[in-house]
Amino acid sequence: MRKLWKIGKLTDKAKFIAKKNSLNPIIVQILINRNIEENDFYNFLNNNVSFHSPLLLPDMKIALERIKRAIKERERICLFGDYDVDGITSLVIFYDYIKETGVEFSFYIPHRLKEGFGLNREAIKKIKEEGASLIICFDCGTNSNEEVKLARSLGMDMIIIDHHFPKEGLNTSLAFINPKRSDSLYPFSFLTSAGLAFKLVQALKKSDCSHLLDLVALSLVCDVAPLIGENRGLLKEGLKLLREAKRPCIDILCKSSGIKSENIDTFHLGYILGPRINAAGRINTAKDSLEMFINHDKNKLEEYVKKLDEYNRLRKDIEKGILEEAEEDISRYIKDYPTIVVYRQGWHQGILGIVASKLVERYYRPAFVFSFHDERGKGSARSIANFNLMEALNYCSQYLITYGGHTKAAGIEIVYKNMEEFKNKLNEVAGKVLSPQDYLPCLDIDLELELSDIDLGLVKSIDNLKPFGEGNPQPLFVTRGVFVKQPYKKNSNGIYSVWLSKNELTYEGIFFENNGLVDILNYGKFVDIVYSLERNYYYDSVRLVLRDVRLS
C-alpha cells in the first residue's frame, strides 16, 4: 500500500538551540518534533524524570484510610480487575501488598465472553454473597455508576483505580483514583491502572516499591500508554528489572518465547509477551495469567506458561479463520464504502479487536467487526488517523444498545436487525469526514538526511531517546537518490539485506518483511528510502532499517 510521506524540516529554531547547548541539531529537531520543551531537553536526554507523590492523586487519602480500616477490622476484600495485561498487572501489584496483611481477600476477573468488560450486576451480587464488604476495582469502573450504586445498596464500599476517560456525571464510589478526573491535581494524567496501583502500594507501604516496576513496564507498553513524562521513567526502570529476569514467571515466559531476557525491549513486551498474557483472557479465562504471576512453584509456573503458549497458538488460528471469512465479505464492497463493517454469527468475541486492527493495517480504513449469537451482537472497532470513533458512534447511537472507548478503539453492542441501518449511517458519516488522502497511511518522517549526516555518534545519541513507543516514536529519516549497489539477499533469519550507496558512502539496509519493497529494489537502481537507524554491534557499524522505498 502506498504511504503518504510527511517529512519534517531542520528548523532555524533547532539549529539555534543546538548551537547554544552544544547538541546535535538533528537530535534537537527530533525532540522538538515530539513537543519536548527546550528546558526539558536535558532531563529527557539524561532520563531525569520527576516521580510525583501518590498523595496528589484524587481520593488517595480516602482510599488509604478505608483499606487500612478494612485490614484492621479483618474485613473481607475483593480485588476486581480487567482481563487484559493492565488489569492483571494491577492485581499482581496490589497482591504484593495485601498478601502480607493477613486479611481475607479474593480475586474477581470477569469472563470476557460470558460477562464482558468491567463491573456487572451479577458479579457484584456474587461478591456480596461471598462476604466481602470492600471492593477494590482495577482498570475498570470509571463509568460504572449503576454498578457502584448497587454495591453501596448491598452494604459494600468500592474503591476504583482506573485510567479511562470519565463520561459526564460524578462517579459515586467511596474513592475514585483516576488522574483523568476533571478535578485531578496530579501533574501527569497518562498513568496506566498498573501505574496507579503501584502508586497506591507505595503510599500504603511508605516505600519506593521499585521491585514492582517490571509489572508497570508491561502495562505501559501493552496498554499503549504515551511514553512521556513519568511513564518514560517508570518504563526505563521497569525494563532494567525485566532484563535482570528477577521475576521467575517472566524468565520462564521469555525462554518459552525464544527471548533472551537481557535483550528485552518494548517490542518484546508489546508483540511477544503481551499477546501471550492477553491470550488467556481472550480464549478462556484471564485467571490463568494471574496465577502465573502470583505462583512461585517452578513446575506450576511452567504449566501456566505452557497454557498461555497454547492459548496464543489457538488465538492465532481463530484469528486467521475470522480474517479469511471477513475478507471474503470485504472483497465484494471494498471499493464502494469508506468503512469496513463485517459481521457473522458465531465468530469468537475475544478475537474481534485483533481482527479489526489487522483489517485497518491491510486496508487503512475504519474497521468494525461484529459477532452475533442469535439476535444480539458484540463488536470491536479500530480507526485511522482522521476518523474519531466516539464522534462517529454518537451519530449512530440510535442503532446501538451501548458503546464506549476512545478515538481509535471502541466496543459496541447492537441487535442484528439494526446492522444495515447502522452500516449505512456510519458510511454516510465517514463519507463526510474523510478525504481521499485520509485513506493513505501516513509515515511521519523527522528529517531528510544525506548519508554523510549519518555516523555511529548519531545512532548512539538516538539510542538515548529510548524507550520508543506511543508518544515517543522511533525517529524516521528519508534519503533521496540512493543507488542500489547490489541485489538484496535474504538470510537464514528471514531478514532481507541490501547495500545502498550515495556519494561514495555505502550502508547496509535491512528489512523484515517484503511488503512490496523487494519489487521496487529489483526494478529501480536509484530509490528514495525511509528508514530508522540502528547499531550493528557485531561489526560496530550503522545499519538502515528500511520502512518504505520509492523509485527515485
Protein backbone atom coordinates (compact mmCIF):
# COMPACT_ATOMS: atom_id res chain seq x y z
CA MET A 1 0.00 0.00 0.00
CA ARG A 2 1.37 3.40 -0.98
CA LYS A 3 2.11 5.58 2.04
CA LEU A 4 1.95 9.33 2.44
CA TRP A 5 5.35 10.72 3.43
CA LYS A 6 5.05 13.65 5.82
CA ILE A 7 8.61 14.97 6.01
CA GLY A 8 9.80 17.41 8.66
CA LYS A 9 12.45 20.05 8.14
CA LEU A 10 15.51 21.09 10.14
CA THR A 11 14.31 24.43 11.53
CA ASP A 12 16.26 27.55 12.44
CA LYS A 13 14.96 27.07 15.99
CA ALA A 14 16.62 23.63 16.19
CA LYS A 15 19.90 25.00 14.83
CA PHE A 16 19.87 27.86 17.34
CA ILE A 17 19.09 25.64 20.34
CA ALA A 18 21.68 23.07 19.23
CA LYS A 19 24.42 25.69 18.96
CA LYS A 20 23.50 27.25 22.32
CA ASN A 21 23.55 23.88 24.14
CA SER A 22 26.30 22.09 22.14
CA LEU A 23 23.85 19.46 20.90
CA ASN A 24 23.44 17.74 17.55
CA PRO A 25 20.79 19.75 15.63
CA ILE A 26 19.28 16.50 14.33
CA ILE A 27 18.63 15.34 17.90
CA VAL A 28 17.24 18.76 18.83
CA GLN A 29 14.81 18.66 15.90
CA ILE A 30 13.65 15.17 16.90
CA LEU A 31 12.91 16.46 20.43
CA ILE A 32 11.03 19.46 19.04
CA ASN A 33 9.01 17.12 16.81
CA ARG A 34 7.93 15.27 19.97
CA ASN A 35 6.81 18.51 21.64
CA ILE A 36 9.61 18.40 24.22
CA GLU A 37 10.25 21.89 25.57
CA GLU A 38 13.81 23.26 25.50
CA ASN A 39 14.02 23.44 29.29
CA ASP A 40 13.21 19.68 29.41
CA PHE A 41 15.87 18.59 26.86
CA TYR A 42 18.50 17.83 29.47
CA ASN A 43 16.10 15.84 31.64
CA PHE A 44 14.78 13.90 28.63
CA LEU A 45 18.25 13.02 27.32
CA ASN A 46 19.51 12.06 30.78
CA ASN A 47 16.26 10.44 31.94
CA ASN A 48 15.90 12.78 34.88
CA VAL A 49 12.20 12.19 35.50
CA SER A 50 10.12 13.68 38.29
CA PHE A 51 8.16 10.96 40.11
CA HIS A 52 5.17 12.59 41.74
CA SER A 53 3.79 11.86 45.18
CA PRO A 54 0.94 9.31 45.27
CA LEU A 55 -0.87 11.59 47.72
CA LEU A 56 -1.50 14.08 44.89
CA LEU A 57 -3.88 11.62 43.22
CA PRO A 58 -7.59 12.34 43.77
CA ASP A 59 -9.16 10.44 46.70
CA MET A 60 -5.87 8.70 47.53
CA LYS A 61 -6.10 9.60 51.23
CA ILE A 62 -9.70 8.31 51.40
CA ALA A 63 -8.61 5.02 49.78
CA LEU A 64 -5.68 4.62 52.17
CA GLU A 65 -7.86 5.15 55.24
CA ARG A 66 -10.54 2.72 54.03
CA ILE A 67 -8.07 -0.03 53.12
CA LYS A 68 -6.25 0.29 56.45
CA ARG A 69 -9.56 0.17 58.34
CA ALA A 70 -10.62 -2.96 56.42
CA ILE A 71 -7.36 -4.65 57.34
CA LYS A 72 -7.55 -3.57 60.98
CA GLU A 73 -11.13 -4.81 61.32
CA ARG A 74 -10.41 -8.05 59.39
CA GLU A 75 -12.99 -7.36 56.67
CA ARG A 76 -13.10 -9.50 53.54
CA ILE A 77 -11.82 -7.60 50.47
CA CYS A 78 -12.49 -8.41 46.81
CA LEU A 79 -9.91 -7.34 44.23
CA PHE A 80 -11.74 -6.86 40.94
CA GLY A 81 -9.65 -6.47 37.76
CA ASP A 82 -9.92 -6.37 33.99
CA TYR A 83 -8.80 -9.35 31.89
CA ASP A 84 -6.01 -7.63 29.93
CA VAL A 85 -2.34 -7.04 30.78
CA ASP A 86 -3.03 -3.72 32.54
CA GLY A 87 -5.77 -5.26 34.68
CA ILE A 88 -3.76 -8.38 35.53
CA THR A 89 -0.58 -6.48 36.44
CA SER A 90 -2.65 -4.09 38.60
CA LEU A 91 -3.95 -7.03 40.62
CA VAL A 92 -0.47 -8.55 40.96
CA ILE A 93 0.96 -5.23 42.17
CA PHE A 94 -1.71 -4.86 44.85
CA TYR A 95 -1.30 -8.55 45.77
CA ASP A 96 2.31 -7.71 46.70
CA TYR A 97 0.88 -5.58 49.50
CA ILE A 98 -2.24 -7.40 50.63
CA LYS A 99 -0.66 -10.88 50.87
CA GLU A 100 1.40 -9.65 53.83
CA THR A 101 -1.52 -8.20 55.80
CA GLY A 102 -3.18 -11.48 56.82
CA VAL A 103 -6.58 -10.15 55.76
CA GLU A 104 -9.01 -12.42 53.89
CA PHE A 105 -9.26 -11.44 50.21
CA SER A 106 -10.31 -12.83 46.84
CA PHE A 107 -9.80 -12.01 43.15
CA TYR A 108 -12.55 -11.48 40.63
CA ILE A 109 -11.79 -11.19 36.91
CA PRO A 110 -14.86 -11.16 34.65
CA HIS A 111 -15.07 -13.72 31.84
CA ARG A 112 -14.76 -11.83 28.55
CA LEU A 113 -17.33 -13.91 26.67
CA LYS A 114 -19.82 -14.57 29.48
CA GLU A 115 -19.69 -11.22 31.30
CA GLY A 116 -17.95 -8.70 29.06
CA PHE A 117 -15.81 -5.79 30.17
CA GLY A 118 -15.81 -4.33 33.65
CA LEU A 119 -18.18 -4.38 36.58
CA ASN A 120 -21.52 -6.12 36.20
CA ARG A 121 -24.51 -6.61 38.48
CA GLU A 122 -24.29 -10.40 38.79
CA ALA A 123 -20.62 -10.22 39.76
CA ILE A 124 -21.37 -7.68 42.49
CA LYS A 125 -24.16 -9.86 43.90
CA LYS A 126 -21.81 -12.86 43.92
CA ILE A 127 -19.08 -10.86 45.68
CA LYS A 128 -21.62 -9.86 48.35
CA GLU A 129 -22.67 -13.49 48.84
CA GLU A 130 -19.02 -14.38 49.46
CA GLY A 131 -18.95 -11.92 52.36
CA ALA A 132 -16.90 -9.01 51.01
CA SER A 133 -17.52 -5.54 52.43
CA LEU A 134 -14.95 -3.71 50.26
CA ILE A 135 -14.35 -4.00 46.51
CA ILE A 136 -11.14 -2.53 45.07
CA CYS A 137 -11.60 -2.23 41.33
CA PHE A 138 -8.61 -2.03 38.95
CA ASP A 139 -8.63 -0.91 35.28
CA CYS A 140 -12.41 -0.59 35.06
CA GLY A 141 -15.29 1.05 36.91
CA THR A 142 -14.82 4.68 35.84
CA ASN A 143 -18.23 4.85 34.15
CA SER A 144 -19.99 2.07 36.10
CA ASN A 145 -22.25 4.30 38.19
CA GLU A 146 -25.18 1.88 38.30
CA GLU A 147 -22.96 -0.99 39.50
CA VAL A 148 -21.40 1.28 42.13
CA LYS A 149 -24.88 2.20 43.39
CA LEU A 150 -25.82 -1.50 43.58
CA ALA A 151 -22.71 -2.31 45.62
CA ARG A 152 -23.48 0.53 48.02
CA SER A 153 -27.11 -0.61 48.39
CA LEU A 154 -25.79 -4.06 49.35
CA GLY A 155 -23.59 -2.55 52.07
CA MET A 156 -20.26 -2.68 50.21
CA ASP A 157 -17.82 0.18 49.72
CA MET A 158 -16.00 0.49 46.42
CA ILE A 159 -12.60 1.98 45.59
CA ILE A 160 -11.93 2.47 41.87
CA ILE A 161 -8.38 2.67 40.47
CA ASP A 162 -8.72 3.37 36.77
CA HIS A 163 -7.32 5.48 33.92
CA HIS A 164 -10.17 5.52 31.39
CA PHE A 165 -11.82 8.81 30.41
CA PRO A 166 -14.78 9.65 32.67
CA LYS A 167 -18.06 10.43 30.93
CA GLU A 168 -20.39 13.10 32.20
CA GLY A 169 -21.69 12.55 35.72
CA LEU A 170 -19.94 12.03 39.03
CA ASN A 171 -18.59 8.62 39.98
CA THR A 172 -20.21 7.82 43.33
CA SER A 173 -17.68 5.28 44.62
CA LEU A 174 -16.14 5.89 48.04
CA ALA A 175 -12.79 6.68 46.38
CA PHE A 176 -12.22 7.28 42.67
CA ILE A 177 -8.50 7.35 41.87
CA ASN A 178 -8.23 8.49 38.27
CA PRO A 179 -5.79 11.20 37.09
CA LYS A 180 -8.12 11.98 34.16
CA ARG A 181 -10.76 13.35 36.53
CA SER A 182 -11.52 16.97 35.68
CA ASP A 183 -10.72 17.97 39.28
CA SER A 184 -7.46 15.99 39.49
CA LEU A 185 -4.41 17.94 40.71
CA TYR A 186 -1.98 15.16 39.80
CA PRO A 187 0.65 16.64 37.40
CA PHE A 188 0.56 13.70 34.92
CA SER A 189 -2.63 12.19 33.52
CA PHE A 190 -1.32 9.25 31.44
CA LEU A 191 -0.55 6.61 34.09
CA THR A 192 -1.94 3.14 33.40
CA SER A 193 -4.05 1.37 36.02
CA ALA A 194 -0.96 -0.66 36.95
CA GLY A 195 0.90 2.63 37.41
CA LEU A 196 -1.90 3.82 39.71
CA ALA A 197 -1.86 0.52 41.64
CA PHE A 198 1.89 1.00 42.04
CA LYS A 199 1.29 4.48 43.48
CA LEU A 200 -1.34 3.09 45.85
CA VAL A 201 1.01 0.39 47.14
CA GLN A 202 3.80 2.95 47.51
CA ALA A 203 1.52 5.03 49.72
CA LEU A 204 0.37 2.01 51.74
CA LYS A 205 3.88 0.64 52.29
CA LYS A 206 5.54 4.07 52.56
CA SER A 207 8.42 2.81 50.40
CA ASP A 208 9.56 3.18 46.78
CA CYS A 209 8.36 -0.36 45.81
CA SER A 210 10.73 -0.29 42.81
CA HIS A 211 10.69 -4.11 42.67
CA LEU A 212 7.22 -3.82 41.08
CA LEU A 213 8.25 -1.65 38.15
CA ASP A 214 8.67 -4.61 35.77
CA LEU A 215 4.89 -5.08 36.03
CA VAL A 216 4.28 -1.37 35.42
CA ALA A 217 6.53 -1.55 32.33
CA LEU A 218 4.45 -4.39 30.90
CA SER A 219 1.24 -2.41 31.38
CA LEU A 220 2.65 0.76 29.83
CA VAL A 221 3.65 -0.93 26.59
CA CYS A 222 0.73 -3.36 26.28
CA ASP A 223 -1.87 -0.67 27.03
CA VAL A 224 -0.20 1.69 24.51
CA ALA A 225 0.26 4.46 27.08
CA PRO A 226 2.16 7.60 26.00
CA LEU A 227 5.83 7.02 26.83
CA ILE A 228 6.46 10.56 28.00
CA GLY A 229 6.95 12.25 31.36
CA GLU A 230 6.59 9.99 34.37
CA ASN A 231 5.72 6.97 32.20
CA ARG A 232 9.08 7.16 30.45
CA GLY A 233 10.95 6.98 33.74
CA LEU A 234 8.77 4.14 35.05
CA LEU A 235 9.32 2.18 31.83
CA LYS A 236 13.08 2.66 31.81
CA GLU A 237 13.39 1.40 35.38
CA GLY A 238 10.98 -1.45 34.67
CA LEU A 239 12.94 -2.58 31.62
CA LYS A 240 16.09 -2.81 33.76
CA LEU A 241 14.27 -5.23 36.10
CA LEU A 242 12.88 -7.28 33.22
CA ARG A 243 16.36 -7.66 31.75
CA GLU A 244 17.63 -8.92 35.10
CA ALA A 245 14.94 -11.67 34.97
CA LYS A 246 14.21 -11.40 38.70
CA ARG A 247 10.57 -12.46 38.35
CA PRO A 248 10.54 -16.25 37.72
CA CYS A 249 7.38 -16.29 35.62
CA ILE A 250 8.78 -13.66 33.23
CA ASP A 251 12.04 -15.58 32.96
CA ILE A 252 10.19 -18.80 32.03
CA LEU A 253 7.84 -16.91 29.68
CA CYS A 254 10.85 -15.38 27.90
CA LYS A 255 12.55 -18.74 27.48
CA SER A 256 9.34 -20.27 26.15
CA SER A 257 9.02 -17.38 23.69
CA GLY A 258 12.62 -17.58 22.48
CA ILE A 259 13.62 -14.24 24.02
CA LYS A 260 16.90 -13.59 25.82
CA SER A 261 15.75 -11.69 28.88
CA GLU A 262 18.85 -9.46 28.84
CA ASN A 263 17.71 -8.14 25.43
CA ILE A 264 14.09 -7.33 26.36
CA ASP A 265 12.80 -4.12 24.82
CA THR A 266 9.40 -2.54 24.19
CA PHE A 267 8.96 -4.64 21.02
CA HIS A 268 9.15 -7.89 23.02
CA LEU A 269 6.63 -6.62 25.58
CA GLY A 270 4.13 -5.40 23.01
CA TYR A 271 4.38 -8.13 20.38
CA ILE A 272 5.59 -11.29 22.12
CA LEU A 273 4.99 -11.34 25.89
CA GLY A 274 1.88 -9.15 25.99
CA PRO A 275 -0.13 -11.22 23.46
CA ARG A 276 0.63 -14.40 25.42
CA ILE A 277 -0.57 -12.88 28.69
CA ASN A 278 -3.68 -11.50 26.97
CA ALA A 279 -4.43 -14.77 25.16
CA ALA A 280 -5.76 -16.45 28.32
CA GLY A 281 -8.48 -13.81 28.72
CA ARG A 282 -9.35 -13.93 25.02
CA ILE A 283 -9.65 -17.72 24.72
CA ASN A 284 -10.62 -18.92 28.19
CA THR A 285 -10.09 -17.12 31.49
CA ALA A 286 -7.53 -14.50 32.50
CA LYS A 287 -7.19 -16.25 35.88
CA ASP A 288 -4.51 -18.46 34.28
CA SER A 289 -2.39 -15.35 33.59
CA LEU A 290 -2.96 -14.09 37.14
CA GLU A 291 -1.98 -17.46 38.63
CA MET A 292 1.21 -17.45 36.58
CA PHE A 293 2.24 -14.16 38.17
CA ILE A 294 1.43 -14.99 41.79
CA ASN A 295 2.66 -18.61 41.82
CA HIS A 296 6.25 -19.41 42.81
CA ASP A 297 6.40 -23.17 42.26
CA LYS A 298 8.63 -23.70 39.21
CA ASN A 299 6.76 -26.76 37.94
CA LYS A 300 3.40 -24.97 38.18
CA LEU A 301 4.87 -21.89 36.54
CA GLU A 302 5.99 -23.97 33.58
CA GLU A 303 2.49 -25.45 33.35
CA TYR A 304 0.90 -21.98 33.28
CA VAL A 305 3.39 -20.71 30.69
CA LYS A 306 2.66 -23.78 28.57
CA LYS A 307 -1.07 -22.99 28.87
CA LEU A 308 -0.52 -19.40 27.74
CA ASP A 309 1.52 -20.57 24.76
CA GLU A 310 -1.27 -22.93 23.77
CA TYR A 311 -3.91 -20.20 24.18
CA ASN A 312 -1.80 -17.93 21.99
CA ARG A 313 -1.48 -20.56 19.26
CA LEU A 314 -5.22 -21.15 19.39
CA ARG A 315 -5.84 -17.40 19.27
CA LYS A 316 -3.74 -17.13 16.10
CA ASP A 317 -5.64 -19.99 14.44
CA ILE A 318 -9.04 -18.46 15.29
CA GLU A 319 -7.84 -15.02 14.16
CA LYS A 320 -6.67 -16.44 10.82
CA GLY A 321 -10.05 -18.10 10.23
CA ILE A 322 -12.06 -14.96 11.04
CA LEU A 323 -9.77 -12.83 8.86
CA GLU A 324 -10.25 -15.14 5.89
CA GLU A 325 -14.04 -15.07 6.27
CA ALA A 326 -14.05 -11.29 6.79
CA GLU A 327 -12.01 -10.72 3.66
CA GLU A 328 -14.47 -12.79 1.63
CA ASP A 329 -17.16 -10.26 2.59
CA ILE A 330 -14.88 -7.23 2.19
CA SER A 331 -13.86 -8.17 -1.36
CA ARG A 332 -17.44 -7.64 -2.53
CA TYR A 333 -17.73 -3.99 -1.48
CA ILE A 334 -14.31 -2.54 -0.56
CA LYS A 335 -14.34 -0.09 -3.50
CA ASP A 336 -17.81 1.24 -2.69
CA TYR A 337 -17.68 2.20 1.01
CA PRO A 338 -15.34 4.31 3.17
CA THR A 339 -15.50 1.95 6.18
CA ILE A 340 -15.21 -1.79 6.70
CA VAL A 341 -18.16 -3.37 8.51
CA VAL A 342 -18.20 -7.17 8.72
CA TYR A 343 -20.36 -9.48 10.84
CA ARG A 344 -21.29 -13.11 11.14
CA GLN A 345 -22.91 -15.48 13.58
CA GLY A 346 -20.57 -17.23 16.00
CA TRP A 347 -17.23 -15.50 15.50
CA HIS A 348 -15.13 -15.71 18.67
CA GLN A 349 -15.77 -12.44 20.50
CA GLY A 350 -12.39 -12.44 22.23
CA ILE A 351 -10.58 -12.03 18.89
CA LEU A 352 -12.66 -9.26 17.28
CA GLY A 353 -10.40 -6.38 18.33
CA ILE A 354 -7.31 -8.05 16.89
CA VAL A 355 -9.12 -8.77 13.62
CA ALA A 356 -10.30 -5.15 13.38
CA SER A 357 -6.71 -3.97 13.90
CA LYS A 358 -5.45 -6.31 11.17
CA LEU A 359 -8.09 -5.04 8.75
CA VAL A 360 -7.05 -1.44 9.43
CA GLU A 361 -3.43 -2.42 8.74
CA ARG A 362 -4.35 -4.10 5.45
CA TYR A 363 -6.88 -1.63 4.06
CA TYR A 364 -6.30 1.55 6.08
CA ARG A 365 -9.98 2.22 6.66
CA PRO A 366 -12.00 2.31 9.90
CA ALA A 367 -12.93 -1.32 10.66
CA PHE A 368 -15.93 -2.65 12.61
CA VAL A 369 -16.10 -6.39 13.31
CA PHE A 370 -19.19 -7.94 14.93
CA SER A 371 -20.06 -11.39 16.19
CA PHE A 372 -23.68 -12.38 16.72
CA HIS A 373 -25.16 -15.04 18.94
CA ASP A 374 -28.77 -15.14 17.80
CA GLU A 375 -30.09 -11.55 17.64
CA ARG A 376 -27.58 -9.79 19.88
CA GLY A 377 -24.10 -8.92 18.73
CA LYS A 378 -20.88 -7.53 20.15
CA GLY A 379 -18.31 -5.69 18.09
CA SER A 380 -14.89 -4.10 18.18
CA ALA A 381 -13.85 -1.08 16.15
CA ARG A 382 -10.44 0.30 15.24
CA SER A 383 -9.81 3.52 13.36
CA ILE A 384 -7.40 5.59 11.28
CA ALA A 385 -5.82 8.97 11.97
CA ASN A 386 -8.62 11.35 10.95
CA PHE A 387 -11.69 9.39 11.99
CA ASN A 388 -12.83 9.77 15.61
CA LEU A 389 -14.72 6.61 16.54
CA MET A 390 -16.57 8.09 19.50
CA GLU A 391 -17.86 11.04 17.47
CA ALA A 392 -18.96 8.70 14.67
CA LEU A 393 -20.70 6.32 17.08
CA ASN A 394 -22.50 9.26 18.69
CA TYR A 395 -24.08 9.96 15.29
CA CYS A 396 -25.15 6.31 15.02
CA SER A 397 -26.25 5.87 18.63
CA GLN A 398 -29.94 5.30 17.80
CA TYR A 399 -29.00 1.94 16.27
CA LEU A 400 -26.80 0.75 19.18
CA ILE A 401 -27.52 -0.87 22.54
CA THR A 402 -24.33 0.52 24.07
CA TYR A 403 -20.83 1.62 23.08
CA GLY A 404 -17.69 3.06 24.61
CA GLY A 405 -13.98 3.52 24.09
CA HIS A 406 -11.55 6.02 22.64
CA THR A 407 -10.91 7.90 19.40
CA LYS A 408 -9.21 4.89 17.77
CA ALA A 409 -10.66 1.86 19.61
CA ALA A 410 -14.20 1.10 20.74
CA GLY A 411 -16.52 -1.67 21.86
CA ILE A 412 -20.12 -1.85 20.66
CA GLU A 413 -23.32 -3.84 21.28
CA ILE A 414 -26.11 -3.97 18.72
CA VAL A 415 -29.12 -6.07 17.66
CA TYR A 416 -28.99 -7.85 14.33
CA LYS A 417 -31.94 -6.05 12.72
CA ASN A 418 -30.13 -2.69 13.08
CA MET A 419 -26.91 -3.72 11.34
CA GLU A 420 -27.63 -2.50 7.83
CA GLU A 421 -29.03 0.84 9.01
CA PHE A 422 -26.01 1.27 11.30
CA LYS A 423 -23.66 0.42 8.42
CA ASN A 424 -25.35 2.93 6.09
CA LYS A 425 -25.31 5.71 8.69
CA LEU A 426 -21.67 5.01 9.53
CA ASN A 427 -20.63 5.18 5.87
CA GLU A 428 -22.60 8.40 5.48
CA VAL A 429 -20.67 9.95 8.38
CA ALA A 430 -17.30 8.67 7.09
CA GLY A 431 -18.04 9.95 3.60
CA LYS A 432 -18.46 13.47 5.01
CA VAL A 433 -15.46 13.36 7.34
CA LEU A 434 -12.77 11.58 5.30
CA SER A 435 -11.00 12.90 2.20
CA PRO A 436 -9.27 10.65 -0.40
CA GLN A 437 -5.89 11.46 1.14
CA ASP A 438 -7.08 10.16 4.53
CA TYR A 439 -7.07 6.61 3.13
CA LEU A 440 -3.29 6.69 2.73
CA PRO A 441 -1.36 5.60 5.83
CA CYS A 442 0.98 8.40 6.84
CA LEU A 443 4.65 8.00 7.70
CA ASP A 444 5.74 10.85 9.98
CA ILE A 445 9.36 11.35 8.96
CA ASP A 446 11.50 13.51 11.22
CA LEU A 447 14.03 14.78 8.70
CA GLU A 448 15.57 14.41 5.27
CA LEU A 449 19.22 13.39 5.64
CA GLU A 450 22.18 12.67 3.41
CA LEU A 451 24.18 9.52 4.09
CA SER A 452 27.05 11.84 5.05
CA ASP A 453 24.94 13.05 8.04
CA ILE A 454 24.94 9.52 9.50
CA ASP A 455 27.55 8.04 11.81
CA LEU A 456 27.78 5.96 14.99
CA GLY A 457 27.69 9.10 17.12
CA LEU A 458 24.24 9.97 15.75
CA VAL A 459 23.00 6.42 16.35
CA LYS A 460 24.24 6.49 19.95
CA SER A 461 22.51 9.86 20.51
CA ILE A 462 19.26 8.46 19.12
CA ASP A 463 19.58 5.49 21.48
CA ASN A 464 19.47 7.98 24.37
CA LEU A 465 15.91 8.82 23.30
CA LYS A 466 14.69 5.28 24.05
CA PRO A 467 12.38 3.68 25.01
CA PHE A 468 10.35 4.26 21.87
CA GLY A 469 6.62 3.79 21.62
CA GLU A 470 3.37 5.75 21.84
CA GLY A 471 4.12 9.47 22.20
CA ASN A 472 7.84 8.92 21.53
CA PRO A 473 8.07 7.07 18.20
CA GLN A 474 11.33 5.78 16.80
CA PRO A 475 12.86 8.57 14.64
CA LEU A 476 12.44 8.11 10.89
CA PHE A 477 14.52 9.70 8.13
CA VAL A 478 14.38 9.94 4.36
CA THR A 479 17.28 9.99 1.88
CA ARG A 480 16.69 10.51 -1.83
CA GLY A 481 18.57 9.26 -4.88
CA VAL A 482 20.23 6.27 -3.20
CA PHE A 483 21.95 3.76 -5.50
CA VAL A 484 21.09 0.06 -5.07
CA LYS A 485 24.63 -1.25 -5.18
CA GLN A 486 23.87 -4.96 -5.38
CA PRO A 487 20.76 -7.20 -5.30
CA TYR A 488 19.12 -7.91 -1.97
CA LYS A 489 19.72 -11.16 -0.10
CA LYS A 490 17.58 -12.99 2.41
CA ASN A 491 19.44 -14.56 5.35
CA SER A 492 18.53 -17.59 7.45
CA ASN A 493 16.60 -15.42 9.94
CA GLY A 494 14.26 -14.19 7.21
CA ILE A 495 15.83 -10.71 7.21
CA TYR A 496 16.39 -9.05 3.84
CA SER A 497 19.71 -7.23 3.33
CA VAL A 498 20.68 -4.78 0.58
CA TRP A 499 23.69 -2.48 0.14
CA LEU A 500 22.89 1.16 -0.60
CA SER A 501 25.27 3.96 -1.55
CA LYS A 502 25.41 7.67 -2.36
CA ASN A 503 28.37 9.98 -2.88
CA GLU A 504 30.91 7.20 -2.20
CA LEU A 505 29.29 6.24 1.13
CA THR A 506 27.74 2.79 1.49
CA TYR A 507 25.47 1.40 4.23
CA GLU A 508 23.64 -1.86 4.71
CA GLY A 509 19.88 -1.59 4.58
CA ILE A 510 17.72 -4.29 6.16
CA PHE A 511 14.00 -5.01 6.24
CA PHE A 512 11.97 -7.77 7.83
CA GLU A 513 9.00 -8.27 5.51
CA ASN A 514 8.60 -7.99 1.79
CA ASN A 515 5.60 -5.59 1.66
CA GLY A 516 6.46 -4.75 -1.96
CA LEU A 517 9.96 -3.45 -1.16
CA VAL A 518 11.61 -6.33 -3.00
CA ASP A 519 9.84 -5.49 -6.27
CA ILE A 520 10.95 -1.84 -6.11
CA LEU A 521 14.54 -2.72 -5.18
CA ASN A 522 14.64 -5.22 -8.07
CA TYR A 523 13.21 -2.75 -10.56
CA GLY A 524 14.96 0.53 -9.73
CA LYS A 525 18.63 1.35 -9.45
CA PHE A 526 18.02 4.71 -7.78
CA VAL A 527 15.50 4.88 -4.92
CA ASP A 528 14.26 7.17 -2.15
CA ILE A 529 14.26 5.39 1.21
CA VAL A 530 12.57 5.91 4.59
CA TYR A 531 14.41 4.28 7.47
CA SER A 532 15.33 4.24 11.14
CA LEU A 533 18.89 3.83 12.35
CA GLU A 534 20.32 1.01 14.42
CA ARG A 535 23.73 -0.10 15.55
CA ASN A 536 25.15 -3.39 14.33
CA TYR A 537 27.01 -4.38 17.50
CA TYR A 538 28.82 -7.29 15.85
CA TYR A 539 30.61 -5.05 13.34
CA ASP A 540 30.17 -1.82 15.36
CA SER A 541 28.63 -0.17 12.34
CA VAL A 542 25.44 1.64 11.29
CA ARG A 543 22.50 -0.09 9.61
CA LEU A 544 19.48 1.46 7.93
CA VAL A 545 16.23 -0.31 8.85
CA LEU A 546 14.05 0.30 5.79
CA ARG A 547 10.41 1.26 6.33
CA ASP A 548 9.44 2.33 2.81
CA VAL A 549 11.05 2.64 -0.64
CA ARG A 550 10.07 4.52 -3.81
CA LEU A 551 11.63 4.82 -7.22
CA SER A 552 13.70 7.97 -7.14
